PDB file of N, CA and C in Angstrom:
ATOM      1  N   MET A   1      88.346 125.898  82.741  1.00  0.00           N
ATOM      2  CA  MET A   1      89.156 125.794  81.557  1.00  0.00           C
ATOM      3  C   MET A   1      88.320 126.291  80.374  1.00  0.00           C
ATOM      4  N   SER A   2      88.966 126.844  79.368  1.00  0.00           N
ATOM      5  CA  SER A   2      88.234 127.306  78.199  1.00  0.00           C
ATOM      6  C   SER A   2      89.056 127.034  76.945  1.00  0.00           C
ATOM      7  N   THR A   3      88.359 127.114  75.834  1.00  0.00           N
ATOM      8  CA  THR A   3      88.998 126.914  74.540  1.00  0.00           C
ATOM      9  C   THR A   3      88.338 127.863  73.550  1.00  0.00           C
ATOM     10  N   ARG A   4      88.879 127.960  72.368  1.00  0.00           N
ATOM     11  CA  ARG A   4      88.294 128.818  71.329  1.00  0.00           C
ATOM     12  C   ARG A   4      87.662 127.962  70.244  1.00  0.00           C
ATOM     13  N   ARG A   5      86.434 128.318  69.885  1.00  0.00           N
ATOM     14  CA  ARG A   5      85.736 127.685  68.775  1.00  0.00           C
ATOM     15  C   ARG A   5      85.160 128.776  67.901  1.00  0.00           C
ATOM     16  N   ASN A   6      85.505 128.773  66.637  1.00  0.00           N
ATOM     17  CA  ASN A   6      85.014 129.785  65.701  1.00  0.00           C
ATOM     18  C   ASN A   6      85.264 131.200  66.214  1.00  0.00           C
ATOM     19  N   GLY A   7      86.426 131.399  66.841  1.00  0.00           N
ATOM     20  CA  GLY A   7      86.796 132.714  67.335  1.00  0.00           C
ATOM     21  C   GLY A   7      86.164 133.112  68.651  1.00  0.00           C
ATOM     22  N   ARG A   8      85.341 132.234  69.234  1.00  0.00           N
ATOM     23  CA  ARG A   8      84.674 132.531  70.499  1.00  0.00           C
ATOM     24  C   ARG A   8      85.251 131.701  71.618  1.00  0.00           C
ATOM     25  N   LYS A   9      85.326 132.307  72.786  1.00  0.00           N
ATOM     26  CA  LYS A   9      85.799 131.590  73.959  1.00  0.00           C
ATOM     27  C   LYS A   9      84.658 130.715  74.486  1.00  0.00           C
ATOM     28  N   VAL A  10      84.925 129.443  74.684  1.00  0.00           N
ATOM     29  CA  VAL A  10      83.925 128.490  75.146  1.00  0.00           C
ATOM     30  C   VAL A  10      84.413 127.863  76.450  1.00  0.00           C
ATOM     31  N   ILE A  11      83.551 127.866  77.476  1.00  0.00           N
ATOM     32  CA  ILE A  11      83.903 127.245  78.741  1.00  0.00           C
ATOM     33  C   ILE A  11      83.782 125.732  78.590  1.00  0.00           C
ATOM     34  N   THR A  12      84.856 125.032  78.932  1.00  0.00           N
ATOM     35  CA  THR A  12      84.847 123.580  78.781  1.00  0.00           C
ATOM     36  C   THR A  12      84.885 122.851  80.115  1.00  0.00           C
ATOM     37  N   ASP A  13      85.163 123.564  81.215  1.00  0.00           N
ATOM     38  CA  ASP A  13      85.230 122.922  82.518  1.00  0.00           C
ATOM     39  C   ASP A  13      84.863 123.920  83.594  1.00  0.00           C
ATOM     40  N   ILE A  14      83.662 123.773  84.172  1.00  0.00           N
ATOM     41  CA  ILE A  14      83.274 124.654  85.265  1.00  0.00           C
ATOM     42  C   ILE A  14      83.140 123.869  86.570  1.00  0.00           C
ATOM     43  N   VAL A  15      83.565 122.632  86.557  1.00  0.00           N
ATOM     44  CA  VAL A  15      83.491 121.813  87.759  1.00  0.00           C
ATOM     45  C   VAL A  15      84.748 122.064  88.587  1.00  0.00           C
ATOM     46  N   LYS A  16      84.609 122.923  89.557  1.00  0.00           N
ATOM     47  CA  LYS A  16      85.711 123.283  90.443  1.00  0.00           C
ATOM     48  C   LYS A  16      85.179 123.306  91.867  1.00  0.00           C
ATOM     49  N   THR A  17      86.055 123.124  92.811  1.00  0.00           N
ATOM     50  CA  THR A  17      85.677 123.269  94.203  1.00  0.00           C
ATOM     51  C   THR A  17      85.879 124.720  94.587  1.00  0.00           C
ATOM     52  N   VAL A  18      84.807 125.373  94.977  1.00  0.00           N
ATOM     53  CA  VAL A  18      84.891 126.762  95.406  1.00  0.00           C
ATOM     54  C   VAL A  18      84.277 126.878  96.792  1.00  0.00           C
ATOM     55  N   SER A  19      84.758 127.825  97.550  1.00  0.00           N
ATOM     56  CA  SER A  19      84.305 128.000  98.928  1.00  0.00           C
ATOM     57  C   SER A  19      83.467 129.256  99.059  1.00  0.00           C
ATOM     58  N   PRO A  20      82.251 129.140  99.601  1.00  0.00           N
ATOM     59  CA  PRO A  20      81.450 130.346  99.832  1.00  0.00           C
ATOM     60  C   PRO A  20      81.921 131.079 101.073  1.00  0.00           C
ATOM     61  N   GLU A  21      81.924 132.398 100.998  1.00  0.00           N
ATOM     62  CA  GLU A  21      82.253 133.245 102.144  1.00  0.00           C
ATOM     63  C   GLU A  21      81.194 134.333 102.210  1.00  0.00           C
ATOM     64  N   THR A  22      80.641 134.558 103.393  1.00  0.00           N
ATOM     65  CA  THR A  22      79.557 135.513 103.558  1.00  0.00           C
ATOM     66  C   THR A  22      79.915 136.556 104.600  1.00  0.00           C
ATOM     67  N   ILE A  23      79.620 137.806 104.292  1.00  0.00           N
ATOM     68  CA  ILE A  23      79.810 138.911 105.240  1.00  0.00           C
ATOM     69  C   ILE A  23      78.566 139.799 105.194  1.00  0.00           C
ATOM     70  N   THR A  24      78.413 140.636 106.204  1.00  0.00           N
ATOM     71  CA  THR A  24      77.390 141.676 106.221  1.00  0.00           C
ATOM     72  C   THR A  24      78.089 142.989 106.533  1.00  0.00           C
ATOM     73  N   THR A  25      77.831 144.007 105.728  1.00  0.00           N
ATOM     74  CA  THR A  25      78.470 145.299 105.971  1.00  0.00           C
ATOM     75  C   THR A  25      77.943 145.893 107.276  1.00  0.00           C
ATOM     76  N   THR A  26      78.827 146.606 107.974  1.00  0.00           N
ATOM     77  CA  THR A  26      78.461 147.232 109.243  1.00  0.00           C
ATOM     78  C   THR A  26      78.563 148.757 109.179  1.00  0.00           C
ATOM     79  N   ASP A  27      79.153 149.269 108.111  1.00  0.00           N
ATOM     80  CA  ASP A  27      79.303 150.716 107.925  1.00  0.00           C
ATOM     81  C   ASP A  27      79.630 150.977 106.463  1.00  0.00           C
ATOM     82  N   SER A  28      80.080 152.193 106.150  1.00  0.00           N
ATOM     83  CA  SER A  28      80.344 152.550 104.751  1.00  0.00           C
ATOM     84  C   SER A  28      81.815 152.383 104.358  1.00  0.00           C
ATOM     85  N   ASN A  29      82.596 151.684 105.150  1.00  0.00           N
ATOM     86  CA  ASN A  29      83.994 151.428 104.819  1.00  0.00           C
ATOM     87  C   ASN A  29      84.142 150.134 104.024  1.00  0.00           C
ATOM     88  N   ASP A  30      85.315 149.944 103.407  1.00  0.00           N
ATOM     89  CA  ASP A  30      85.593 148.670 102.738  1.00  0.00           C
ATOM     90  C   ASP A  30      85.459 147.539 103.737  1.00  0.00           C
ATOM     91  N   LYS A  31      84.849 146.448 103.318  1.00  0.00           N
ATOM     92  CA  LYS A  31      84.709 145.253 104.156  1.00  0.00           C
ATOM     93  C   LYS A  31      85.381 144.100 103.419  1.00  0.00           C
ATOM     94  N   THR A  32      86.373 143.489 104.053  1.00  0.00           N
ATOM     95  CA  THR A  32      87.077 142.374 103.436  1.00  0.00           C
ATOM     96  C   THR A  32      86.189 141.145 103.427  1.00  0.00           C
ATOM     97  N   ILE A  33      86.036 140.542 102.252  1.00  0.00           N
ATOM     98  CA  ILE A  33      85.262 139.310 102.105  1.00  0.00           C
ATOM     99  C   ILE A  33      86.191 138.108 102.184  1.00  0.00           C
ATOM    100  N   HIS A  34      87.337 138.214 101.527  1.00  0.00           N
ATOM    101  CA  HIS A  34      88.310 137.116 101.536  1.00  0.00           C
ATOM    102  C   HIS A  34      89.710 137.663 101.762  1.00  0.00           C
ATOM    103  N   THR A  35      90.390 137.111 102.767  1.00  0.00           N
ATOM    104  CA  THR A  35      91.788 137.435 103.025  1.00  0.00           C
ATOM    105  C   THR A  35      92.636 136.392 102.312  1.00  0.00           C
ATOM    106  N   THR A  36      93.389 136.836 101.340  1.00  0.00           N
ATOM    107  CA  THR A  36      94.139 135.940 100.463  1.00  0.00           C
ATOM    108  C   THR A  36      95.507 135.607 101.058  1.00  0.00           C
ATOM    109  N   THR A  37      95.890 134.342 100.944  1.00  0.00           N
ATOM    110  CA  THR A  37      97.214 133.895 101.364  1.00  0.00           C
ATOM    111  C   THR A  37      98.274 134.668 100.580  1.00  0.00           C
ATOM    112  N   ALA A  38      99.386 134.990 101.234  1.00  0.00           N
ATOM    113  CA  ALA A  38     100.415 135.863 100.645  1.00  0.00           C
ATOM    114  C   ALA A  38     100.904 135.413  99.273  1.00  0.00           C
ATOM    115  N   ASN A  39     101.109 134.141  99.052  1.00  0.00           N
ATOM    116  CA  ASN A  39     101.666 133.676  97.775  1.00  0.00           C
ATOM    117  C   ASN A  39     100.589 133.129  96.833  1.00  0.00           C
ATOM    118  N   LYS A  40      99.322 133.463  97.085  1.00  0.00           N
ATOM    119  CA  LYS A  40      98.213 132.982  96.254  1.00  0.00           C
ATOM    120  C   LYS A  40      97.426 134.151  95.683  1.00  0.00           C
ATOM    121  N   LYS A  41      96.685 133.868  94.608  1.00  0.00           N
ATOM    122  CA  LYS A  41      95.715 134.806  94.059  1.00  0.00           C
ATOM    123  C   LYS A  41      94.323 134.295  94.428  1.00  0.00           C
ATOM    124  N   TYR A  42      93.347 135.191  94.452  1.00  0.00           N
ATOM    125  CA  TYR A  42      91.960 134.807  94.689  1.00  0.00           C
ATOM    126  C   TYR A  42      91.178 135.050  93.412  1.00  0.00           C
ATOM    127  N   ARG A  43      90.445 134.049  92.951  1.00  0.00           N
ATOM    128  CA  ARG A  43      89.642 134.139  91.725  1.00  0.00           C
ATOM    129  C   ARG A  43      88.164 134.071  92.094  1.00  0.00           C
ATOM    130  N   VAL A  44      87.403 135.072  91.691  1.00  0.00           N
ATOM    131  CA  VAL A  44      85.976 135.163  91.985  1.00  0.00           C
ATOM    132  C   VAL A  44      85.187 134.444  90.898  1.00  0.00           C
ATOM    133  N   LYS A  45      84.211 133.643  91.340  1.00  0.00           N
ATOM    134  CA  LYS A  45      83.359 132.896  90.414  1.00  0.00           C
ATOM    135  C   LYS A  45      81.918 133.415  90.417  1.00  0.00           C
ATOM    136  N   LEU A  46      81.400 133.725  91.605  1.00  0.00           N
ATOM    137  CA  LEU A  46      80.002 134.093  91.726  1.00  0.00           C
ATOM    138  C   LEU A  46      79.843 135.035  92.916  1.00  0.00           C
ATOM    139  N   ILE A  47      79.011 136.054  92.758  1.00  0.00           N
ATOM    140  CA  ILE A  47      78.734 137.006  93.837  1.00  0.00           C
ATOM    141  C   ILE A  47      77.220 137.117  93.996  1.00  0.00           C
ATOM    142  N   TYR A  48      76.747 136.940  95.234  1.00  0.00           N
ATOM    143  CA  TYR A  48      75.328 137.106  95.557  1.00  0.00           C
ATOM    144  C   TYR A  48      75.204 138.224  96.578  1.00  0.00           C
ATOM    145  N   VAL A  49      74.346 139.207  96.305  1.00  0.00           N
ATOM    146  CA  VAL A  49      74.196 140.383  97.147  1.00  0.00           C
ATOM    147  C   VAL A  49      72.723 140.555  97.502  1.00  0.00           C
ATOM    148  N   TRP A  50      72.446 140.842  98.794  1.00  0.00           N
ATOM    149  CA  TRP A  50      71.066 141.055  99.233  1.00  0.00           C
ATOM    150  C   TRP A  50      71.033 142.186 100.256  1.00  0.00           C
ATOM    151  N   ASN A  51      70.127 143.127 100.061  1.00  0.00           N
ATOM    152  CA  ASN A  51      69.996 144.286 100.952  1.00  0.00           C
ATOM    153  C   ASN A  51      69.012 143.970 102.073  1.00  0.00           C
ATOM    154  N   THR A  52      69.495 143.914 103.299  1.00  0.00           N
ATOM    155  CA  THR A  52      68.645 143.690 104.476  1.00  0.00           C
ATOM    156  C   THR A  52      68.616 144.910 105.392  1.00  0.00           C
ATOM    157  N   SER A  53      69.046 146.055 104.889  1.00  0.00           N
ATOM    158  CA  SER A  53      69.254 147.240 105.731  1.00  0.00           C
ATOM    159  C   SER A  53      67.969 147.918 106.200  1.00  0.00           C
ATOM    160  N   GLY A  54      66.852 147.694 105.520  1.00  0.00           N
ATOM    161  CA  GLY A  54      65.621 148.410 105.852  1.00  0.00           C
ATOM    162  C   GLY A  54      65.459 149.698 105.062  1.00  0.00           C
ATOM    163  N   ALA A  55      66.443 150.000 104.210  1.00  0.00           N
ATOM    164  CA  ALA A  55      66.417 151.209 103.377  1.00  0.00           C
ATOM    165  C   ALA A  55      67.210 150.939 102.098  1.00  0.00           C
ATOM    166  N   ASP A  56      67.140 151.884 101.170  1.00  0.00           N
ATOM    167  CA  ASP A  56      67.963 151.764  99.960  1.00  0.00           C
ATOM    168  C   ASP A  56      69.440 151.786 100.360  1.00  0.00           C
ATOM    169  N   ILE A  57      70.256 151.078  99.594  1.00  0.00           N
ATOM    170  CA  ILE A  57      71.686 151.061  99.869  1.00  0.00           C
ATOM    171  C   ILE A  57      72.431 151.117  98.534  1.00  0.00           C
ATOM    172  N   THR A  58      73.520 151.848  98.503  1.00  0.00           N
ATOM    173  CA  THR A  58      74.342 151.943  97.303  1.00  0.00           C
ATOM    174  C   THR A  58      75.552 151.032  97.457  1.00  0.00           C
ATOM    175  N   VAL A  59      75.745 150.176  96.491  1.00  0.00           N
ATOM    176  CA  VAL A  59      76.932 149.318  96.455  1.00  0.00           C
ATOM    177  C   VAL A  59      77.966 150.070  95.628  1.00  0.00           C
ATOM    178  N   THR A  60      79.007 150.557  96.283  1.00  0.00           N
ATOM    179  CA  THR A  60      80.078 151.254  95.569  1.00  0.00           C
ATOM    180  C   THR A  60      80.763 150.284  94.626  1.00  0.00           C
ATOM    181  N   GLY A  61      80.931 149.047  95.070  1.00  0.00           N
ATOM    182  CA  GLY A  61      81.480 148.013  94.211  1.00  0.00           C
ATOM    183  C   GLY A  61      82.385 147.046  94.946  1.00  0.00           C
ATOM    184  N   PHE A  62      82.994 146.177  94.165  1.00  0.00           N
ATOM    185  CA  PHE A  62      83.905 145.146  94.644  1.00  0.00           C
ATOM    186  C   PHE A  62      85.289 145.437  94.073  1.00  0.00           C
ATOM    187  N   ARG A  63      86.327 145.080  94.833  1.00  0.00           N
ATOM    188  CA  ARG A  63      87.676 145.303  94.329  1.00  0.00           C
ATOM    189  C   ARG A  63      88.678 144.396  95.040  1.00  0.00           C
ATOM    190  N   PHE A  64      89.832 144.290  94.400  1.00  0.00           N
ATOM    191  CA  PHE A  64      90.987 143.625  94.992  1.00  0.00           C
ATOM    192  C   PHE A  64      91.947 144.699  95.475  1.00  0.00           C
ATOM    193  N   GLY A  65      92.440 144.564  96.714  1.00  0.00           N
ATOM    194  CA  GLY A  65      93.422 145.507  97.240  1.00  0.00           C
ATOM    195  C   GLY A  65      92.961 146.948  97.098  1.00  0.00           C
ATOM    196  N   ALA A  66      93.830 147.793  96.555  1.00  0.00           N
ATOM    197  CA  ALA A  66      93.516 149.215  96.358  1.00  0.00           C
ATOM    198  C   ALA A  66      93.049 149.496  94.931  1.00  0.00           C
ATOM    199  N   GLY A  67      92.630 148.453  94.211  1.00  0.00           N
ATOM    200  CA  GLY A  67      92.200 148.607  92.825  1.00  0.00           C
ATOM    201  C   GLY A  67      90.884 149.352  92.674  1.00  0.00           C
ATOM    202  N   SER A  68      90.421 149.455  91.453  1.00  0.00           N
ATOM    203  CA  SER A  68      89.167 150.143  91.136  1.00  0.00           C
ATOM    204  C   SER A  68      87.964 149.295  91.530  1.00  0.00           C
ATOM    205  N   TYR A  69      86.868 149.987  91.852  1.00  0.00           N
ATOM    206  CA  TYR A  69      85.618 149.292  92.168  1.00  0.00           C
ATOM    207  C   TYR A  69      84.923 148.849  90.885  1.00  0.00           C
ATOM    208  N   HIS A  70      84.260 147.694  90.964  1.00  0.00           N
ATOM    209  CA  HIS A  70      83.495 147.156  89.832  1.00  0.00           C
ATOM    210  C   HIS A  70      82.106 146.741  90.309  1.00  0.00           C
ATOM    211  N   PHE A  71      81.138 146.779  89.407  1.00  0.00           N
ATOM    212  CA  PHE A  71      79.772 146.299  89.626  1.00  0.00           C
ATOM    213  C   PHE A  71      79.009 147.150  90.641  1.00  0.00           C
ATOM    214  N   ALA A  72      79.068 148.455  90.494  1.00  0.00           N
ATOM    215  CA  ALA A  72      78.316 149.365  91.352  1.00  0.00           C
ATOM    216  C   ALA A  72      76.826 149.255  91.054  1.00  0.00           C
ATOM    217  N   SER A  73      76.008 149.455  92.091  1.00  0.00           N
ATOM    218  CA  SER A  73      74.557 149.431  91.899  1.00  0.00           C
ATOM    219  C   SER A  73      73.864 150.072  93.097  1.00  0.00           C
ATOM    220  N   LYS A  74      72.608 150.401  92.918  1.00  0.00           N
ATOM    221  CA  LYS A  74      71.786 150.890  94.022  1.00  0.00           C
ATOM    222  C   LYS A  74      70.675 149.874  94.224  1.00  0.00           C
ATOM    223  N   LEU A  75      70.509 149.430  95.466  1.00  0.00           N
ATOM    224  CA  LEU A  75      69.517 148.393  95.766  1.00  0.00           C
ATOM    225  C   LEU A  75      68.438 148.923  96.698  1.00  0.00           C
ATOM    226  N   LEU A  76      67.187 148.661  96.360  1.00  0.00           N
ATOM    227  CA  LEU A  76      66.091 148.935  97.264  1.00  0.00           C
ATOM    228  C   LEU A  76      66.137 147.905  98.389  1.00  0.00           C
ATOM    229  N   ASP A  77      65.470 148.202  99.491  1.00  0.00           N
ATOM    230  CA  ASP A  77      65.411 147.247 100.597  1.00  0.00           C
ATOM    231  C   ASP A  77      64.796 145.929 100.122  1.00  0.00           C
ATOM    232  N   LYS A  78      65.324 144.849 100.613  1.00  0.00           N
ATOM    233  CA  LYS A  78      64.858 143.482 100.293  1.00  0.00           C
ATOM    234  C   LYS A  78      64.990 143.149  98.803  1.00  0.00           C
ATOM    235  N   THR A  79      66.026 143.684  98.166  1.00  0.00           N
ATOM    236  CA  THR A  79      66.349 143.317  96.789  1.00  0.00           C
ATOM    237  C   THR A  79      67.825 142.973  96.717  1.00  0.00           C
ATOM    238  N   GLY A  80      68.227 142.381  95.603  1.00  0.00           N
ATOM    239  CA  GLY A  80      69.626 142.019  95.441  1.00  0.00           C
ATOM    240  C   GLY A  80      69.929 141.615  94.019  1.00  0.00           C
ATOM    241  N   PHE A  81      71.078 140.966  93.843  1.00  0.00           N
ATOM    242  CA  PHE A  81      71.447 140.465  92.522  1.00  0.00           C
ATOM    243  C   PHE A  81      72.427 139.317  92.664  1.00  0.00           C
ATOM    244  N   LEU A  82      72.489 138.533  91.619  1.00  0.00           N
ATOM    245  CA  LEU A  82      73.422 137.422  91.510  1.00  0.00           C
ATOM    246  C   LEU A  82      74.304 137.702  90.302  1.00  0.00           C
ATOM    247  N   LEU A  83      75.604 137.636  90.496  1.00  0.00           N
ATOM    248  CA  LEU A  83      76.554 137.919  89.431  1.00  0.00           C
ATOM    249  C   LEU A  83      77.379 136.663  89.177  1.00  0.00           C
ATOM    250  N   ASN A  84      77.128 136.018  88.056  1.00  0.00           N
ATOM    251  CA  ASN A  84      77.835 134.791  87.683  1.00  0.00           C
ATOM    252  C   ASN A  84      78.960 135.166  86.724  1.00  0.00           C
ATOM    253  N   ILE A  85      80.203 135.014  87.182  1.00  0.00           N
ATOM    254  CA  ILE A  85      81.341 135.338  86.323  1.00  0.00           C
ATOM    255  C   ILE A  85      82.264 134.129  86.156  1.00  0.00           C
ATOM    256  N   ILE A  86      81.647 132.942  86.177  1.00  0.00           N
ATOM    257  CA  ILE A  86      82.415 131.721  85.917  1.00  0.00           C
ATOM    258  C   ILE A  86      82.988 131.824  84.510  1.00  0.00           C
ATOM    259  N   GLY A  87      84.261 131.542  84.383  1.00  0.00           N
ATOM    260  CA  GLY A  87      84.922 131.601  83.081  1.00  0.00           C
ATOM    261  C   GLY A  87      85.578 132.936  82.785  1.00  0.00           C
ATOM    262  N   VAL A  88      85.244 133.966  83.547  1.00  0.00           N
ATOM    263  CA  VAL A  88      85.838 135.284  83.332  1.00  0.00           C
ATOM    264  C   VAL A  88      87.247 135.342  83.917  1.00  0.00           C
ATOM    265  N   ASN A  89      87.462 134.602  84.996  1.00  0.00           N
ATOM    266  CA  ASN A  89      88.752 134.571  85.697  1.00  0.00           C
ATOM    267  C   ASN A  89      89.143 135.935  86.236  1.00  0.00           C
ATOM    268  N   TRP A  90      88.195 136.574  86.959  1.00  0.00           N
ATOM    269  CA  TRP A  90      88.489 137.834  87.630  1.00  0.00           C
ATOM    270  C   TRP A  90      89.252 137.505  88.898  1.00  0.00           C
ATOM    271  N   GLU A  91      90.491 137.969  88.967  1.00  0.00           N
ATOM    272  CA  GLU A  91      91.357 137.636  90.097  1.00  0.00           C
ATOM    273  C   GLU A  91      92.260 138.808  90.439  1.00  0.00           C
ATOM    274  N   GLY A  92      92.695 138.823  91.683  1.00  0.00           N
ATOM    275  CA  GLY A  92      93.623 139.841  92.138  1.00  0.00           C
ATOM    276  C   GLY A  92      95.054 139.357  92.015  1.00  0.00           C
ATOM    277  N   ALA A  93      95.971 140.227  92.376  1.00  0.00           N
ATOM    278  CA  ALA A  93      97.386 139.858  92.411  1.00  0.00           C
ATOM    279  C   ALA A  93      97.628 138.979  93.643  1.00  0.00           C
ATOM    280  N   LYS A  94      98.785 138.387  93.706  1.00  0.00           N
ATOM    281  CA  LYS A  94      99.115 137.541  94.858  1.00  0.00           C
ATOM    282  C   LYS A  94      99.000 138.347  96.141  1.00  0.00           C
ATOM    283  N   GLY A  95      98.279 137.779  97.104  1.00  0.00           N
ATOM    284  CA  GLY A  95      98.135 138.399  98.415  1.00  0.00           C
ATOM    285  C   GLY A  95      97.121 139.520  98.514  1.00  0.00           C
ATOM    286  N   GLU A  96      96.418 139.867  97.421  1.00  0.00           N
ATOM    287  CA  GLU A  96      95.429 140.947  97.478  1.00  0.00           C
ATOM    288  C   GLU A  96      94.109 140.430  98.025  1.00  0.00           C
ATOM    289  N   ASN A  97      93.583 141.135  99.020  1.00  0.00           N
ATOM    290  CA  ASN A  97      92.294 140.773  99.588  1.00  0.00           C
ATOM    291  C   ASN A  97      91.159 141.221  98.676  1.00  0.00           C
ATOM    292  N   PHE A  98      90.019 140.523  98.773  1.00  0.00           N
ATOM    293  CA  PHE A  98      88.835 140.859  97.991  1.00  0.00           C
ATOM    294  C   PHE A  98      87.848 141.564  98.913  1.00  0.00           C
ATOM    295  N   MET A  99      87.355 142.737  98.478  1.00  0.00           N
ATOM    296  CA  MET A  99      86.536 143.583  99.339  1.00  0.00           C
ATOM    297  C   MET A  99      85.288 144.109  98.648  1.00  0.00           C
ATOM    298  N   VAL A 100      84.348 144.581  99.472  1.00  0.00           N
ATOM    299  CA  VAL A 100      83.150 145.252  98.994  1.00  0.00           C
ATOM    300  C   VAL A 100      83.020 146.564  99.768  1.00  0.00           C
ATOM    301  N   LYS A 101      82.406 147.538  99.120  1.00  0.00           N
ATOM    302  CA  LYS A 101      82.103 148.801  99.792  1.00  0.00           C
ATOM    303  C   LYS A 101      80.661 149.160  99.478  1.00  0.00           C
ATOM    304  N   ALA A 102      79.917 149.524 100.531  1.00  0.00           N
ATOM    305  CA  ALA A 102      78.521 149.929 100.380  1.00  0.00           C
ATOM    306  C   ALA A 102      78.293 151.189 101.198  1.00  0.00           C
ATOM    307  N   SER A 103      77.126 151.820 100.999  1.00  0.00           N
ATOM    308  CA  SER A 103      76.849 153.097 101.660  1.00  0.00           C
ATOM    309  C   SER A 103      76.474 152.958 103.131  1.00  0.00           C
ATOM    310  N   GLY A 104      76.337 151.732 103.611  1.00  0.00           N
ATOM    311  CA  GLY A 104      75.984 151.562 105.016  1.00  0.00           C
ATOM    312  C   GLY A 104      75.882 150.113 105.425  1.00  0.00           C
ATOM    313  N   ALA A 105      75.323 149.905 106.604  1.00  0.00           N
ATOM    314  CA  ALA A 105      75.200 148.566 107.178  1.00  0.00           C
ATOM    315  C   ALA A 105      74.019 147.813 106.566  1.00  0.00           C
ATOM    316  N   GLY A 106      74.111 146.490 106.584  1.00  0.00           N
ATOM    317  CA  GLY A 106      72.983 145.643 106.206  1.00  0.00           C
ATOM    318  C   GLY A 106      73.048 145.030 104.824  1.00  0.00           C
ATOM    319  N   LEU A 107      74.181 145.119 104.157  1.00  0.00           N
ATOM    320  CA  LEU A 107      74.326 144.480 102.857  1.00  0.00           C
ATOM    321  C   LEU A 107      74.959 143.104 103.077  1.00  0.00           C
ATOM    322  N   ASN A 108      74.225 142.047 102.744  1.00  0.00           N
ATOM    323  CA  ASN A 108      74.752 140.688 102.850  1.00  0.00           C
ATOM    324  C   ASN A 108      75.396 140.317 101.524  1.00  0.00           C
ATOM    325  N   VAL A 109      76.618 139.814 101.587  1.00  0.00           N
ATOM    326  CA  VAL A 109      77.356 139.443 100.381  1.00  0.00           C
ATOM    327  C   VAL A 109      77.912 138.034 100.561  1.00  0.00           C
ATOM    328  N   THR A 110      77.619 137.175  99.602  1.00  0.00           N
ATOM    329  CA  THR A 110      78.216 135.841  99.564  1.00  0.00           C
ATOM    330  C   THR A 110      79.013 135.736  98.269  1.00  0.00           C
ATOM    331  N   VAL A 111      80.258 135.319  98.398  1.00  0.00           N
ATOM    332  CA  VAL A 111      81.142 135.177  97.236  1.00  0.00           C
ATOM    333  C   VAL A 111      81.640 133.739  97.182  1.00  0.00           C
ATOM    334  N   PHE A 112      81.591 133.165  95.995  1.00  0.00           N
ATOM    335  CA  PHE A 112      82.197 131.869  95.740  1.00  0.00           C
ATOM    336  C   PHE A 112      83.466 132.116  94.944  1.00  0.00           C
ATOM    337  N   GLY A 113      84.574 131.637  95.457  1.00  0.00           N
ATOM    338  CA  GLY A 113      85.844 131.845  94.788  1.00  0.00           C
ATOM    339  C   GLY A 113      86.841 130.777  95.181  1.00  0.00           C
ATOM    340  N   GLU A 114      88.035 130.898  94.614  1.00  0.00           N
ATOM    341  CA  GLU A 114      89.081 129.913  94.922  1.00  0.00           C
ATOM    342  C   GLU A 114      90.439 130.599  94.928  1.00  0.00           C
ATOM    343  N   GLU A 115      91.301 130.115  95.803  1.00  0.00           N
ATOM    344  CA  GLU A 115      92.689 130.567  95.782  1.00  0.00           C
ATOM    345  C   GLU A 115      93.433 129.727  94.770  1.00  0.00           C
ATOM    346  N   ILE A 116      94.256 130.397  93.980  1.00  0.00           N
ATOM    347  CA  ILE A 116      95.018 129.689  92.934  1.00  0.00           C
ATOM    348  C   ILE A 116      96.484 130.037  93.048  1.00  0.00           C
TER     349      ILE A 116
END
């Protein structure tokens, strides 16, 4: 939940139950992280990415359904990043799956999110 103070958005409630889901990419195709129930939306809260491939890997990005990719990056082997987007309310449309695309196998991705 959020509110406005002095024209700024302020997070007032970040205590939510979210479920972690982890996948590892096996090729350079889209990999579904969360399959969303048909009448629900999926809201992403936190994304943790770690490269275990043994080589550099390019993260094309994350997306809902056939939407645009977001948060592209290039990772050296044994590096990663944590993306905290609590309060942003990044969500797909009802029934849209949440996916990641990388240049190859060995990208571990853990996402914390909730169906709403």
